[in-house]
Amino acid sequence: MPKDAIPPGTLHLLILRTLARDGEQHGFEIAESIERLSSNVLTVEEGSLYPALQRLLANGWVTAEWGTTGGNRRARYYQLTRAGRKQLDVEETQFLRITDAIVRVLQAG
């Protein structure tokens, strides 16, 4: 099955949800989790992931600290902030409202 790009406007939502569910993670773990939980349908490109994480940091929705991975590599670990949890709620509500509307249109006779 081919992998698909993440739909525009949803990467922040997926990152925030991943951190809310799994706790502190580095970038590769976040991407891996999204891909795994989507049954490998979604792919997170490195060129999209790290700029998105920088935007989340700039907005105060995540914090980051340098640490060491299990493979003894240096990595930046991201954690959701209180403001990030609020933003996650906003983005999930908006996403569900929009997808529900799309489904209604698709199912209309």
Protein backbone atom coordinates (compact mmCIF):
# COMPACT_ATOMS: atom_id res chain seq x y z
CA MET A 1 0.00 0.00 0.00
CA PRO A 2 1.47 3.39 -0.93
CA LYS A 3 2.05 6.03 1.69
CA ASP A 4 0.26 9.35 1.35
CA ALA A 5 1.35 12.83 2.32
CA ILE A 6 -0.32 14.28 5.37
CA PRO A 7 -3.25 16.47 4.31
CA PRO A 8 -2.43 20.20 4.39
CA GLY A 9 -3.20 21.85 7.70
CA THR A 10 -3.18 18.68 9.79
CA LEU A 11 0.49 18.16 10.68
CA HIS A 12 0.33 20.40 13.77
CA LEU A 13 -2.77 18.53 14.93
CA LEU A 14 -1.09 15.14 14.48
CA ILE A 15 2.09 16.22 16.29
CA LEU A 16 0.15 17.74 19.20
CA ARG A 17 -2.06 14.63 19.50
CA THR A 18 1.00 12.35 19.40
CA LEU A 19 2.72 14.27 22.20
CA ALA A 20 -0.50 14.39 24.27
CA ARG A 21 -0.90 10.63 23.94
CA ASP A 22 2.71 9.44 24.15
CA GLY A 23 4.43 12.14 26.19
CA GLU A 24 7.90 13.49 25.49
CA GLN A 25 9.42 12.31 22.20
CA HIS A 26 12.08 13.30 19.71
CA GLY A 27 11.23 14.09 16.10
CA PHE A 28 11.89 10.65 14.66
CA GLU A 29 9.70 9.04 17.33
CA ILE A 30 6.87 11.47 16.54
CA ALA A 31 7.06 10.69 12.81
CA GLU A 32 7.30 6.96 13.47
CA SER A 33 4.26 7.04 15.78
CA ILE A 34 2.11 8.90 13.23
CA GLU A 35 3.10 6.48 10.49
CA ARG A 36 2.54 3.40 12.67
CA LEU A 37 -0.85 4.53 14.01
CA SER A 38 -2.03 5.38 10.49
CA SER A 39 -1.19 1.78 9.47
CA ASN A 40 1.60 3.25 7.35
CA VAL A 41 -0.80 5.23 5.16
CA LEU A 42 0.58 8.62 6.24
CA THR A 43 4.20 9.55 5.85
CA VAL A 44 5.85 12.41 7.73
CA GLU A 45 8.60 14.00 5.69
CA GLU A 46 11.60 15.29 7.63
CA GLY A 47 11.43 18.50 5.59
CA SER A 48 7.91 19.12 6.94
CA LEU A 49 8.28 17.75 10.47
CA TYR A 50 11.12 19.89 11.80
CA PRO A 51 9.80 23.23 10.51
CA ALA A 52 6.41 22.31 12.03
CA LEU A 53 8.09 21.55 15.37
CA GLN A 54 9.86 24.92 15.19
CA ARG A 55 6.49 26.66 14.64
CA LEU A 56 5.01 24.78 17.61
CA LEU A 57 7.98 25.92 19.73
CA ALA A 58 7.61 29.52 18.56
CA ASN A 59 3.90 29.47 19.47
CA GLY A 60 4.66 28.07 22.93
CA TRP A 61 2.67 24.89 22.26
CA VAL A 62 5.67 22.63 22.93
CA THR A 63 8.95 22.87 24.78
CA ALA A 64 12.17 21.15 23.77
CA GLU A 65 15.26 19.89 25.54
CA TRP A 66 18.33 18.15 24.23
CA GLY A 67 18.84 14.57 25.33
CA THR A 68 20.28 11.25 24.24
CA THR A 69 18.34 8.51 22.43
CA GLY A 70 18.48 4.82 23.28
CA GLY A 71 21.00 4.51 20.43
CA ASN A 72 23.24 7.04 22.19
CA ARG A 73 22.51 9.82 19.70
CA ARG A 74 21.85 13.43 20.57
CA ALA A 75 18.24 14.45 19.90
CA ARG A 76 15.82 17.21 20.78
CA TYR A 77 12.91 15.96 22.87
CA TYR A 78 9.56 17.75 22.57
CA GLN A 79 6.86 17.99 25.22
CA LEU A 80 3.36 19.47 25.07
CA THR A 81 2.69 22.62 27.12
CA ARG A 82 -0.58 23.73 28.72
CA ALA A 83 -1.07 26.13 25.79
CA GLY A 84 -0.40 23.22 23.44
CA ARG A 85 -3.18 21.19 25.07
CA LYS A 86 -5.58 24.08 24.55
CA GLN A 87 -4.49 24.41 20.92
CA LEU A 88 -4.94 20.66 20.44
CA ASP A 89 -8.55 20.98 21.62
CA VAL A 90 -9.14 23.86 19.19
CA GLU A 91 -7.58 22.03 16.25
CA GLU A 92 -9.36 18.72 16.98
CA THR A 93 -12.73 20.45 17.23
CA GLN A 94 -12.15 22.30 13.96
CA PHE A 95 -10.89 19.17 12.18
CA LEU A 96 -13.85 17.05 13.30
CA ARG A 97 -16.32 19.77 12.29
CA ILE A 98 -14.76 20.03 8.82
CA THR A 99 -14.46 16.27 8.24
CA ASP A 100 -18.07 15.78 9.37
CA ALA A 101 -19.18 18.39 6.82
CA ILE A 102 -17.15 16.71 4.08
CA VAL A 103 -18.69 13.33 4.90
CA ARG A 104 -22.19 14.86 4.70
CA VAL A 105 -21.41 16.25 1.25
CA LEU A 106 -19.96 12.94 0.04
CA GLN A 107 -22.94 10.97 1.32
CA ALA A 108 -25.57 13.32 -0.10
CA GLY A 109 -27.65 11.61 -2.78
